[in-house]
Amino acid sequence: MVDTSLYWVKNVSWWEASLFIVLLNILILVSCIIIGNKLVSMFLKRPVASIITTRPYEVVLAGMTVFFNSAVTLIGYYLWKNEIIVLSTSFGWRSWADILVLLIIMDFAMYVFHRLAHMKWLYPYIHRTHHRFEDPRPITLFALNPLENLGFGLLWIVVLCVYPASWVGITGYLFFNVVYGLIAHLGVEPFPNSWVKHPILKWISTSTYHTQHHQQEHYNYGFYTVIWDRLFQTMSPHYPSHFAKKLPED
């Protein structure tokens, strides 16, 4: 079944593939905004940022992100069609383990990329756009400079060219990436206070964690975990003492 579906996808026309990819990215954007705003309304009593309305500039950037995400996906599609990216169709435990492997690889790779994006000679051209929004909202996840968008996308493609992942691993990772990106930009904290005290869960990033990065940009560069920030001593001194709370005004 999987082999047949992938064979069909691999042999559709370019305009069909392009249309599908664009529509998929639009669906992801709309779903994140709807689900994200619902989550915000559910946890309004636990704000970690000021709850404000969507800023028009974010809408423009979100539209550009849909375009560039689609472009990156088409590049990956081309590489897969030409067997530069190898996609395993197996369904065993190793395929499911690929989700964890990809999460670990990308968590470290994006931490490094994020640190580089904050270097003085790159920051104004790549990452400052995203930091214009100190109080993140669900749509802020998509408010990226096109160069940063392409950078993260191409980083993902390089990983796939080097690591022959399974379709299960890739699909699972991409789903988790969107879900966790959304959680990071809610502006409210959906996780309980016990999260940062749990011996295992405390290593997983939270909305509070990423919001603090928006407000104190020299801390909390991690994405899915806090491992690398702890290791390289870039964790905010306000975390976890201010977990689930807005940072105090300077």
Foldseek 3Di string as FASTA:
>chain_A
DLVVVVVVLLPDDPVVLLVVLLVVLVVLLVVLQVVLVVVCVVFVVLFQFDDDDDDPLLVVLLVVLSVLLSVLVVVLSVCVSVPLQAAAADDDPVLLVLQVVLCVVLQVVQLVVLVVCPPPVRVVPWPVQLLVCLQFASSSLRRGDSVNSNVSSVVSSVVRSVDRHYPSNVVSNVVVQSVQSSQLRSSFWPDDLCQCVDPPSVQFDGVSLNSVCSVVVQARSTGGGCVVCVVVVRHDPCPPVQPSYHDDDD
